[in-house]
């Protein structure tokens, strides 16, 4: 699963920076589970449309809906650029395919 795009959302809340990230695959329960390595994962599987939220130690909040290919990332004003770079780097690491032998 790779990030294919990023779009700033104009309606910033509480001084935070909100971005929509697009991916080359849809969120599945298994893929969502891997997001726990970023921080505190809450998965709401009993909702009519399952969704998730991750609270990262730096204050970043990631929200997404299962079976879509996007999520929202809310970065704190104090470190928005650093937090965005860290999020993008960690996502690449989490979903990096293992090297195939042969």
PDB file of N, CA and C in Angstrom:
ATOM      1  N   UNK A   1       0.858  -1.170   0.000  1.00  0.00           N
ATOM      2  CA  UNK A   1       0.000   0.000   0.000  1.00  0.00           C
ATOM      3  C   UNK A   1       0.903   1.230   0.000  1.00  0.00           C
ATOM      4  N   UNK A   2       0.704   2.092  -0.985  1.00  0.00           N
ATOM      5  CA  UNK A   2       1.545   3.277  -1.124  1.00  0.00           C
ATOM      6  C   UNK A   2       0.701   4.543  -1.176  1.00  0.00           C
ATOM      7  N   UNK A   3       1.278   5.633  -0.692  1.00  0.00           N
ATOM      8  CA  UNK A   3       0.633   6.941  -0.800  1.00  0.00           C
ATOM      9  C   UNK A   3       0.727   7.381  -2.253  1.00  0.00           C
ATOM     10  N   UNK A   4      -0.405   7.742  -2.845  1.00  0.00           N
ATOM     11  CA  UNK A   4      -0.410   8.193  -4.236  1.00  0.00           C
ATOM     12  C   UNK A   4      -0.699   9.685  -4.363  1.00  0.00           C
ATOM     13  N   UNK A   5      -1.114  10.322  -3.273  1.00  0.00           N
ATOM     14  CA  UNK A   5      -1.387  11.746  -3.332  1.00  0.00           C
ATOM     15  C   UNK A   5      -1.686  12.316  -1.966  1.00  0.00           C
ATOM     16  N   UNK A   6      -1.650  13.649  -1.905  1.00  0.00           N
ATOM     17  CA  UNK A   6      -1.922  14.366  -0.669  1.00  0.00           C
ATOM     18  C   UNK A   6      -2.586  15.684  -1.037  1.00  0.00           C
ATOM     19  N   UNK A   7      -3.615  16.044  -0.283  1.00  0.00           N
ATOM     20  CA  UNK A   7      -4.365  17.269  -0.571  1.00  0.00           C
ATOM     21  C   UNK A   7      -4.645  17.993   0.744  1.00  0.00           C
ATOM     22  N   UNK A   8      -4.304  19.270   0.801  1.00  0.00           N
ATOM     23  CA  UNK A   8      -4.575  20.058   2.005  1.00  0.00           C
ATOM     24  C   UNK A   8      -6.065  20.366   2.050  1.00  0.00           C
ATOM     25  N   UNK A   9      -6.641  20.204   3.234  1.00  0.00           N
ATOM     26  CA  UNK A   9      -8.050  20.527   3.424  1.00  0.00           C
ATOM     27  C   UNK A   9      -8.104  21.918   4.043  1.00  0.00           C
ATOM     28  N   UNK A  10      -8.809  22.824   3.405  1.00  0.00           N
ATOM     29  CA  UNK A  10      -8.811  24.222   3.808  1.00  0.00           C
ATOM     30  C   UNK A  10      -9.396  24.480   5.186  1.00  0.00           C
ATOM     31  N   UNK A  11     -10.326  23.678   5.618  1.00  0.00           N
ATOM     32  CA  UNK A  11     -10.992  23.908   6.890  1.00  0.00           C
ATOM     33  C   UNK A  11     -10.141  23.358   8.034  1.00  0.00           C
ATOM     34  N   UNK A  12      -9.183  24.144   8.495  1.00  0.00           N
ATOM     35  CA  UNK A  12      -8.318  23.716   9.589  1.00  0.00           C
ATOM     36  C   UNK A  12      -9.022  23.959  10.921  1.00  0.00           C
ATOM     37  N   UNK A  13      -8.949  22.976  11.792  1.00  0.00           N
ATOM     38  CA  UNK A  13      -9.621  23.067  13.076  1.00  0.00           C
ATOM     39  C   UNK A  13      -8.596  23.314  14.182  1.00  0.00           C
ATOM     40  N   UNK A  14      -8.926  24.150  15.112  1.00  0.00           N
ATOM     41  CA  UNK A  14      -8.097  24.384  16.295  1.00  0.00           C
ATOM     42  C   UNK A  14      -6.632  24.624  15.968  1.00  0.00           C
ATOM     43  N   UNK A  15      -6.357  25.297  14.886  1.00  0.00           N
ATOM     44  CA  UNK A  15      -4.980  25.608  14.542  1.00  0.00           C
ATOM     45  C   UNK A  15      -4.175  24.436  14.037  1.00  0.00           C
ATOM     46  N   UNK A  16      -4.822  23.361  13.705  1.00  0.00           N
ATOM     47  CA  UNK A  16      -4.115  22.192  13.218  1.00  0.00           C
ATOM     48  C   UNK A  16      -4.180  22.148  11.696  1.00  0.00           C
ATOM     49  N   UNK A  17      -3.293  21.423  11.109  1.00  0.00           N
ATOM     50  CA  UNK A  17      -3.252  21.287   9.661  1.00  0.00           C
ATOM     51  C   UNK A  17      -3.833  19.934   9.267  1.00  0.00           C
ATOM     52  N   UNK A  18      -4.812  19.947   8.372  1.00  0.00           N
ATOM     53  CA  UNK A  18      -5.515  18.735   7.976  1.00  0.00           C
ATOM     54  C   UNK A  18      -5.199  18.425   6.511  1.00  0.00           C
ATOM     55  N   UNK A  19      -4.815  17.172   6.260  1.00  0.00           N
ATOM     56  CA  UNK A  19      -4.522  16.716   4.907  1.00  0.00           C
ATOM     57  C   UNK A  19      -5.296  15.439   4.631  1.00  0.00           C
ATOM     58  N   UNK A  20      -5.681  15.270   3.396  1.00  0.00           N
ATOM     59  CA  UNK A  20      -6.280  14.018   2.940  1.00  0.00           C
ATOM     60  C   UNK A  20      -5.194  13.290   2.157  1.00  0.00           C
ATOM     61  N   UNK A  21      -4.962  12.038   2.535  1.00  0.00           N
ATOM     62  CA  UNK A  21      -3.985  11.197   1.842  1.00  0.00           C
ATOM     63  C   UNK A  21      -4.721  10.146   1.023  1.00  0.00           C
ATOM     64  N   UNK A  22      -4.208   9.888  -0.173  1.00  0.00           N
ATOM     65  CA  UNK A  22      -4.775   8.889  -1.074  1.00  0.00           C
ATOM     66  C   UNK A  22      -3.778   7.739  -1.222  1.00  0.00           C
ATOM     67  N   UNK A  23      -4.311   6.530  -1.335  1.00  0.00           N
ATOM     68  CA  UNK A  23      -3.490   5.325  -1.411  1.00  0.00           C
ATOM     69  C   UNK A  23      -3.848   4.504  -2.642  1.00  0.00           C
ATOM     70  N   UNK A  24      -2.963   3.585  -3.000  1.00  0.00           N
ATOM     71  CA  UNK A  24      -3.185   2.741  -4.177  1.00  0.00           C
ATOM     72  C   UNK A  24      -4.011   1.498  -3.859  1.00  0.00           C
ATOM     73  N   UNK A  25      -4.478   1.374  -2.618  1.00  0.00           N
ATOM     74  CA  UNK A  25      -5.306   0.231  -2.209  1.00  0.00           C
ATOM     75  C   UNK A  25      -6.296   0.697  -1.153  1.00  0.00           C
ATOM     76  N   UNK A  26      -7.311  -0.121  -0.939  1.00  0.00           N
ATOM     77  CA  UNK A  26      -8.318   0.212   0.062  1.00  0.00           C
ATOM     78  C   UNK A  26      -7.887  -0.260   1.444  1.00  0.00           C
ATOM     79  N   UNK A  27      -8.393   0.418   2.461  1.00  0.00           N
ATOM     80  CA  UNK A  27      -8.158   0.002   3.843  1.00  0.00           C
ATOM     81  C   UNK A  27      -8.933  -1.279   4.117  1.00  0.00           C
ATOM     82  N   UNK A  28      -8.240  -2.267   4.618  1.00  0.00           N
ATOM     83  CA  UNK A  28      -8.867  -3.512   5.077  1.00  0.00           C
ATOM     84  C   UNK A  28      -8.622  -3.610   6.581  1.00  0.00           C
ATOM     85  N   UNK A  29      -9.297  -4.522   7.232  1.00  0.00           N
ATOM     86  CA  UNK A  29      -9.101  -4.694   8.674  1.00  0.00           C
ATOM     87  C   UNK A  29      -7.642  -5.022   8.982  1.00  0.00           C
ATOM     88  N   UNK A  30      -7.029  -5.876   8.185  1.00  0.00           N
ATOM     89  CA  UNK A  30      -5.631  -6.252   8.405  1.00  0.00           C
ATOM     90  C   UNK A  30      -4.687  -5.067   8.218  1.00  0.00           C
ATOM     91  N   UNK A  31      -4.908  -4.294   7.177  1.00  0.00           N
ATOM     92  CA  UNK A  31      -4.065  -3.120   6.921  1.00  0.00           C
ATOM     93  C   UNK A  31      -4.245  -2.094   8.036  1.00  0.00           C
ATOM     94  N   UNK A  32      -5.481  -1.886   8.458  1.00  0.00           N
ATOM     95  CA  UNK A  32      -5.750  -0.956   9.555  1.00  0.00           C
ATOM     96  C   UNK A  32      -5.004  -1.402  10.812  1.00  0.00           C
ATOM     97  N   UNK A  33      -4.990  -2.697  11.083  1.00  0.00           N
ATOM     98  CA  UNK A  33      -4.295  -3.229  12.251  1.00  0.00           C
ATOM     99  C   UNK A  33      -2.820  -2.865  12.290  1.00  0.00           C
ATOM    100  N   UNK A  34      -2.198  -2.757  11.128  1.00  0.00           N
ATOM    101  CA  UNK A  34      -0.779  -2.391  11.058  1.00  0.00           C
ATOM    102  C   UNK A  34      -0.534  -0.953  11.499  1.00  0.00           C
ATOM    103  N   UNK A  35      -1.577  -0.124  11.476  1.00  0.00           N
ATOM    104  CA  UNK A  35      -1.439   1.276  11.871  1.00  0.00           C
ATOM    105  C   UNK A  35      -1.182   1.426  13.372  1.00  0.00           C
ATOM    106  N   UNK A  36      -1.370   0.360  14.139  1.00  0.00           N
ATOM    107  CA  UNK A  36      -1.121   0.414  15.582  1.00  0.00           C
ATOM    108  C   UNK A  36       0.341   0.739  15.884  1.00  0.00           C
ATOM    109  N   UNK A  37       1.219   0.483  14.944  1.00  0.00           N
ATOM    110  CA  UNK A  37       2.634   0.797  15.175  1.00  0.00           C
ATOM    111  C   UNK A  37       2.897   2.306  15.181  1.00  0.00           C
ATOM    112  N   UNK A  38       1.933   3.101  14.741  1.00  0.00           N
ATOM    113  CA  UNK A  38       2.078   4.563  14.759  1.00  0.00           C
ATOM    114  C   UNK A  38       1.671   5.178  16.091  1.00  0.00           C
ATOM    115  N   UNK A  39       0.807   4.486  16.826  1.00  0.00           N
ATOM    116  CA  UNK A  39       0.317   5.046  18.087  1.00  0.00           C
ATOM    117  C   UNK A  39      -0.887   4.266  18.587  1.00  0.00           C
ATOM    118  N   UNK A  40      -1.760   4.951  19.306  1.00  0.00           N
ATOM    119  CA  UNK A  40      -2.947   4.310  19.882  1.00  0.00           C
ATOM    120  C   UNK A  40      -4.028   4.150  18.808  1.00  0.00           C
ATOM    121  N   UNK A  41      -4.293   2.904  18.424  1.00  0.00           N
ATOM    122  CA  UNK A  41      -5.279   2.598  17.386  1.00  0.00           C
ATOM    123  C   UNK A  41      -6.626   2.288  18.012  1.00  0.00           C
ATOM    124  N   UNK A  42      -7.657   2.923  17.506  1.00  0.00           N
ATOM    125  CA  UNK A  42      -9.047   2.594  17.861  1.00  0.00           C
ATOM    126  C   UNK A  42      -9.723   2.152  16.570  1.00  0.00           C
ATOM    127  N   UNK A  43     -10.265   0.928  16.575  1.00  0.00           N
ATOM    128  CA  UNK A  43     -10.966   0.393  15.405  1.00  0.00           C
ATOM    129  C   UNK A  43     -12.426   0.234  15.773  1.00  0.00           C
ATOM    130  N   UNK A  44     -13.301   0.821  14.984  1.00  0.00           N
ATOM    131  CA  UNK A  44     -14.731   0.797  15.243  1.00  0.00           C
ATOM    132  C   UNK A  44     -15.404  -0.120  14.222  1.00  0.00           C
ATOM    133  N   UNK A  45     -15.222  -1.411  14.418  1.00  0.00           N
ATOM    134  CA  UNK A  45     -15.734  -2.408  13.488  1.00  0.00           C
ATOM    135  C   UNK A  45     -17.235  -2.604  13.555  1.00  0.00           C
ATOM    136  N   UNK A  46     -17.857  -2.182  14.649  1.00  0.00           N
ATOM    137  CA  UNK A  46     -19.306  -2.363  14.793  1.00  0.00           C
ATOM    138  C   UNK A  46     -20.107  -1.222  14.172  1.00  0.00           C
ATOM    139  N   UNK A  47     -19.429  -0.171  13.707  1.00  0.00           N
ATOM    140  CA  UNK A  47     -20.127   0.926  13.035  1.00  0.00           C
ATOM    141  C   UNK A  47     -20.696   0.421  11.713  1.00  0.00           C
ATOM    142  N   UNK A  48     -21.771   1.030  11.210  1.00  0.00           N
ATOM    143  CA  UNK A  48     -22.317   0.612   9.906  1.00  0.00           C
ATOM    144  C   UNK A  48     -21.249   0.614   8.811  1.00  0.00           C
ATOM    145  N   UNK A  49     -20.351   1.586   8.866  1.00  0.00           N
ATOM    146  CA  UNK A  49     -19.182   1.609   7.987  1.00  0.00           C
ATOM    147  C   UNK A  49     -17.974   1.640   8.923  1.00  0.00           C
ATOM    148  N   UNK A  50     -17.247   0.515   9.038  1.00  0.00           N
ATOM    149  CA  UNK A  50     -16.125   0.459   9.981  1.00  0.00           C
ATOM    150  C   UNK A  50     -15.104   1.564   9.722  1.00  0.00           C
ATOM    151  N   UNK A  51     -14.614   2.149  10.806  1.00  0.00           N
ATOM    152  CA  UNK A  51     -13.627   3.216  10.689  1.00  0.00           C
ATOM    153  C   UNK A  51     -12.547   3.032  11.747  1.00  0.00           C
ATOM    154  N   UNK A  52     -11.488   3.860  11.637  1.00  0.00           N
ATOM    155  CA  UNK A  52     -10.399   3.784  12.600  1.00  0.00           C
ATOM    156  C   UNK A  52      -9.855   5.172  12.897  1.00  0.00           C
ATOM    157  N   UNK A  53      -9.156   5.252  14.044  1.00  0.00           N
ATOM    158  CA  UNK A  53      -8.480   6.486  14.426  1.00  0.00           C
ATOM    159  C   UNK A  53      -7.182   6.094  15.119  1.00  0.00           C
ATOM    160  N   UNK A  54      -6.117   6.791  14.781  1.00  0.00           N
ATOM    161  CA  UNK A  54      -4.827   6.562  15.420  1.00  0.00           C
ATOM    162  C   UNK A  54      -4.368   7.885  16.026  1.00  0.00           C
ATOM    163  N   UNK A  55      -4.022   7.850  17.305  1.00  0.00           N
ATOM    164  CA  UNK A  55      -3.438   9.014  17.986  1.00  0.00           C
ATOM    165  C   UNK A  55      -1.944   8.736  18.143  1.00  0.00           C
ATOM    166  N   UNK A  56      -1.138   9.554  17.470  1.00  0.00           N
ATOM    167  CA  UNK A  56       0.310   9.381  17.502  1.00  0.00           C
ATOM    168  C   UNK A  56       0.903  10.154  18.680  1.00  0.00           C
ATOM    169  N   UNK A  57       2.066   9.734  19.164  1.00  0.00           N
ATOM    170  CA  UNK A  57       2.697  10.416  20.296  1.00  0.00           C
ATOM    171  C   UNK A  57       2.968  11.908  20.064  1.00  0.00           C
ATOM    172  N   UNK A  58       3.190  12.315  18.810  1.00  0.00           N
ATOM    173  CA  UNK A  58       3.482  13.731  18.535  1.00  0.00           C
ATOM    174  C   UNK A  58       2.224  14.594  18.424  1.00  0.00           C
ATOM    175  N   UNK A  59       1.045  13.993  18.625  1.00  0.00           N
ATOM    176  CA  UNK A  59      -0.200  14.747  18.549  1.00  0.00           C
ATOM    177  C   UNK A  59      -0.940  14.588  17.233  1.00  0.00           C
ATOM    178  N   UNK A  60      -0.329  13.939  16.261  1.00  0.00           N
ATOM    179  CA  UNK A  60      -0.986  13.684  14.986  1.00  0.00           C
ATOM    180  C   UNK A  60      -2.153  12.720  15.190  1.00  0.00           C
ATOM    181  N   UNK A  61      -3.250  12.961  14.480  1.00  0.00           N
ATOM    182  CA  UNK A  61      -4.404  12.063  14.512  1.00  0.00           C
ATOM    183  C   UNK A  61      -4.695  11.630  13.082  1.00  0.00           C
ATOM    184  N   UNK A  62      -4.813  10.326  12.872  1.00  0.00           N
ATOM    185  CA  UNK A  62      -5.116   9.748  11.567  1.00  0.00           C
ATOM    186  C   UNK A  62      -6.514   9.145  11.655  1.00  0.00           C
ATOM    187  N   UNK A  63      -7.381   9.481  10.694  1.00  0.00           N
ATOM    188  CA  UNK A  63      -8.739   8.941  10.666  1.00  0.00           C
ATOM    189  C   UNK A  63      -9.018   8.379   9.281  1.00  0.00           C
ATOM    190  N   UNK A  64      -9.670   7.228   9.251  1.00  0.00           N
ATOM    191  CA  UNK A  64     -10.003   6.632   7.967  1.00  0.00           C
ATOM    192  C   UNK A  64     -11.201   5.719   8.065  1.00  0.00           C
ATOM    193  N   UNK A  65     -11.703   5.339   6.905  1.00  0.00           N
ATOM    194  CA  UNK A  65     -12.870   4.471   6.798  1.00  0.00           C
ATOM    195  C   UNK A  65     -12.462   3.234   6.019  1.00  0.00           C
ATOM    196  N   UNK A  66     -12.800   2.071   6.566  1.00  0.00           N
ATOM    197  CA  UNK A  66     -12.499   0.813   5.891  1.00  0.00           C
ATOM    198  C   UNK A  66     -13.168   0.778   4.522  1.00  0.00           C
ATOM    199  N   UNK A  67     -12.534   0.145   3.561  1.00  0.00           N
ATOM    200  CA  UNK A  67     -13.010  -0.019   2.183  1.00  0.00           C
ATOM    201  C   UNK A  67     -12.927   1.250   1.353  1.00  0.00           C
ATOM    202  N   UNK A  68     -12.175   2.261   1.834  1.00  0.00           N
ATOM    203  CA  UNK A  68     -11.876   3.432   1.016  1.00  0.00           C
ATOM    204  C   UNK A  68     -10.372   3.439   0.787  1.00  0.00           C
ATOM    205  N   UNK A  69      -9.915   4.294  -0.094  1.00  0.00           N
ATOM    206  CA  UNK A  69      -8.480   4.367  -0.360  1.00  0.00           C
ATOM    207  C   UNK A  69      -7.894   5.704   0.096  1.00  0.00           C
ATOM    208  N   UNK A  70      -8.470   6.280   1.153  1.00  0.00           N
ATOM    209  CA  UNK A  70      -7.978   7.559   1.647  1.00  0.00           C
ATOM    210  C   UNK A  70      -8.092   7.623   3.164  1.00  0.00           C
ATOM    211  N   UNK A  71      -7.405   8.598   3.743  1.00  0.00           N
ATOM    212  CA  UNK A  71      -7.532   8.882   5.170  1.00  0.00           C
ATOM    213  C   UNK A  71      -7.221  10.352   5.379  1.00  0.00           C
ATOM    214  N   UNK A  72      -7.563  10.849   6.558  1.00  0.00           N
ATOM    215  CA  UNK A  72      -7.241  12.223   6.923  1.00  0.00           C
ATOM    216  C   UNK A  72      -6.168  12.193   7.993  1.00  0.00           C
ATOM    217  N   UNK A  73      -5.236  13.105   7.885  1.00  0.00           N
ATOM    218  CA  UNK A  73      -4.193  13.259   8.887  1.00  0.00           C
ATOM    219  C   UNK A  73      -4.283  14.682   9.420  1.00  0.00           C
ATOM    220  N   UNK A  74      -4.387  14.792  10.726  1.00  0.00           N
ATOM    221  CA  UNK A  74      -4.470  16.090  11.380  1.00  0.00           C
ATOM    222  C   UNK A  74      -3.164  16.282  12.132  1.00  0.00           C
ATOM    223  N   UNK A  75      -2.364  17.245  11.664  1.00  0.00           N
ATOM    224  CA  UNK A  75      -1.050  17.499  12.239  1.00  0.00           C
ATOM    225  C   UNK A  75      -1.109  18.723  13.142  1.00  0.00           C
ATOM    226  N   UNK A  76      -0.453  18.674  14.305  1.00  0.00           N
ATOM    227  CA  UNK A  76      -0.434  19.835  15.193  1.00  0.00           C
ATOM    228  C   UNK A  76       0.357  20.983  14.573  1.00  0.00           C
ATOM    229  N   UNK A  77      -0.110  22.191  14.808  1.00  0.00           N
ATOM    230  CA  UNK A  77       0.524  23.388  14.241  1.00  0.00           C
ATOM    231  C   UNK A  77       1.998  23.481  14.619  1.00  0.00           C
ATOM    232  N   UNK A  78       2.336  23.110  15.826  1.00  0.00           N
ATOM    233  CA  UNK A  78       3.698  23.290  16.323  1.00  0.00           C
ATOM    234  C   UNK A  78       4.753  22.488  15.553  1.00  0.00           C
ATOM    235  N   UNK A  79       4.327  21.410  14.902  1.00  0.00           N
ATOM    236  CA  UNK A  79       5.310  20.575  14.188  1.00  0.00           C
ATOM    237  C   UNK A  79       4.686  19.940  12.945  1.00  0.00           C
ATOM    238  N   UNK A  80       3.858  20.666  12.240  1.00  0.00           N
ATOM    239  CA  UNK A  80       3.112  20.100  11.109  1.00  0.00           C
ATOM    240  C   UNK A  80       4.011  19.504  10.037  1.00  0.00           C
ATOM    241  N   UNK A  81       5.037  20.235   9.614  1.00  0.00           N
ATOM    242  CA  UNK A  81       5.905  19.729   8.543  1.00  0.00           C
ATOM    243  C   UNK A  81       6.665  18.480   8.983  1.00  0.00           C
ATOM    244  N   UNK A  82       7.205  18.521  10.186  1.00  0.00           N
ATOM    245  CA  UNK A  82       7.941  17.380  10.719  1.00  0.00           C
ATOM    246  C   UNK A  82       7.021  16.181  10.903  1.00  0.00           C
ATOM    247  N   UNK A  83       5.824  16.424  11.447  1.00  0.00           N
ATOM    248  CA  UNK A  83       4.862  15.339  11.680  1.00  0.00           C
ATOM    249  C   UNK A  83       4.408  14.715  10.363  1.00  0.00           C
ATOM    250  N   UNK A  84       4.183  15.536   9.337  1.00  0.00           N
ATOM    251  CA  UNK A  84       3.764  15.013   8.033  1.00  0.00           C
ATOM    252  C   UNK A  84       4.858  14.137   7.429  1.00  0.00           C
ATOM    253  N   UNK A  85       6.098  14.597   7.494  1.00  0.00           N
ATOM    254  CA  UNK A  85       7.218  13.819   6.958  1.00  0.00           C
ATOM    255  C   UNK A  85       7.368  12.501   7.711  1.00  0.00           C
ATOM    256  N   UNK A  86       7.230  12.557   9.035  1.00  0.00           N
ATOM    257  CA  UNK A  86       7.332  11.350   9.850  1.00  0.00           C
ATOM    258  C   UNK A  86       6.211  10.369   9.501  1.00  0.00           C
ATOM    259  N   UNK A  87       4.978  10.871   9.380  1.00  0.00           N
ATOM    260  CA  UNK A  87       3.845  10.014   9.024  1.00  0.00           C
ATOM    261  C   UNK A  87       4.086   9.334   7.685  1.00  0.00           C
ATOM    262  N   UNK A  88       4.469  10.106   6.677  1.00  0.00           N
ATOM    263  CA  UNK A  88       4.684   9.550   5.340  1.00  0.00           C
ATOM    264  C   UNK A  88       5.807   8.512   5.339  1.00  0.00           C
ATOM    265  N   UNK A  89       6.864   8.780   6.085  1.00  0.00           N
ATOM    266  CA  UNK A  89       7.980   7.832   6.174  1.00  0.00           C
ATOM    267  C   UNK A  89       7.547   6.541   6.858  1.00  0.00           C
ATOM    268  N   UNK A  90       6.834   6.669   7.977  1.00  0.00           N
ATOM    269  CA  UNK A  90       6.386   5.479   8.711  1.00  0.00           C
ATOM    270  C   UNK A  90       5.398   4.646   7.906  1.00  0.00           C
ATOM    271  N   UNK A  91       4.517   5.293   7.159  1.00  0.00           N
ATOM    272  CA  UNK A  91       3.571   4.552   6.319  1.00  0.00           C
ATOM    273  C   UNK A  91       4.332   3.735   5.278  1.00  0.00           C
ATOM    274  N   UNK A  92       5.341   4.337   4.673  1.00  0.00           N
ATOM    275  CA  UNK A  92       6.147   3.595   3.690  1.00  0.00           C
ATOM    276  C   UNK A  92       6.815   2.384   4.346  1.00  0.00           C
ATOM    277  N   UNK A  93       7.330   2.573   5.555  1.00  0.00           N
ATOM    278  CA  UNK A  93       7.996   1.472   6.259  1.00  0.00           C
ATOM    279  C   UNK A  93       7.006   0.373   6.655  1.00  0.00           C
ATOM    280  N   UNK A  94       5.846   0.758   7.154  1.00  0.00           N
ATOM    281  CA  UNK A  94       4.844  -0.214   7.602  1.00  0.00           C
ATOM    282  C   UNK A  94       4.377  -1.100   6.458  1.00  0.00           C
ATOM    283  N   UNK A  95       4.134  -0.500   5.301  1.00  0.00           N
ATOM    284  CA  UNK A  95       3.535  -1.240   4.198  1.00  0.00           C
ATOM    285  C   UNK A  95       4.540  -1.689   3.148  1.00  0.00           C
ATOM    286  N   UNK A  96       5.814  -1.542   3.449  1.00  0.00           N
ATOM    287  CA  UNK A  96       6.840  -1.979   2.502  1.00  0.00           C
ATOM    288  C   UNK A  96       6.773  -3.483   2.346  1.00  0.00           C
ATOM    289  N   UNK A  97       6.737  -3.929   1.115  1.00  0.00           N
ATOM    290  CA  UNK A  97       6.707  -5.361   0.825  1.00  0.00           C
ATOM    291  C   UNK A  97       8.048  -5.977   1.170  1.00  0.00           C
ATOM    292  N   UNK A  98       8.056  -7.154   1.795  1.00  0.00           N
ATOM    293  CA  UNK A  98       9.343  -7.822   2.061  1.00  0.00           C
ATOM    294  C   UNK A  98      10.015  -8.227   0.746  1.00  0.00           C
ATOM    295  N   UNK A  99      11.330  -8.204   0.758  1.00  0.00           N
ATOM    296  CA  UNK A  99      12.074  -8.595  -0.437  1.00  0.00           C
ATOM    297  C   UNK A  99      11.822 -10.064  -0.741  1.00  0.00           C
ATOM    298  N   UNK A 100      11.607 -10.350  -2.002  1.00  0.00           N
ATOM    299  CA  UNK A 100      11.406 -11.744  -2.420  1.00  0.00           C
ATOM    300  C   UNK A 100      12.739 -12.355  -2.790  1.00  0.00           C
ATOM    301  N   UNK A 101      12.922 -13.592  -2.371  1.00  0.00           N
ATOM    302  CA  UNK A 101      14.180 -14.284  -2.699  1.00  0.00           C
ATOM    303  C   UNK A 101      14.037 -14.981  -4.058  1.00  0.00           C
ATOM    304  N   UNK A 102      15.175 -15.121  -4.715  1.00  0.00           N
ATOM    305  CA  UNK A 102      15.146 -15.891  -5.956  1.00  0.00           C
ATOM    306  C   UNK A 102      15.260 -15.033  -7.080  1.00  0.00           C
TER     307      UNK A 102
END
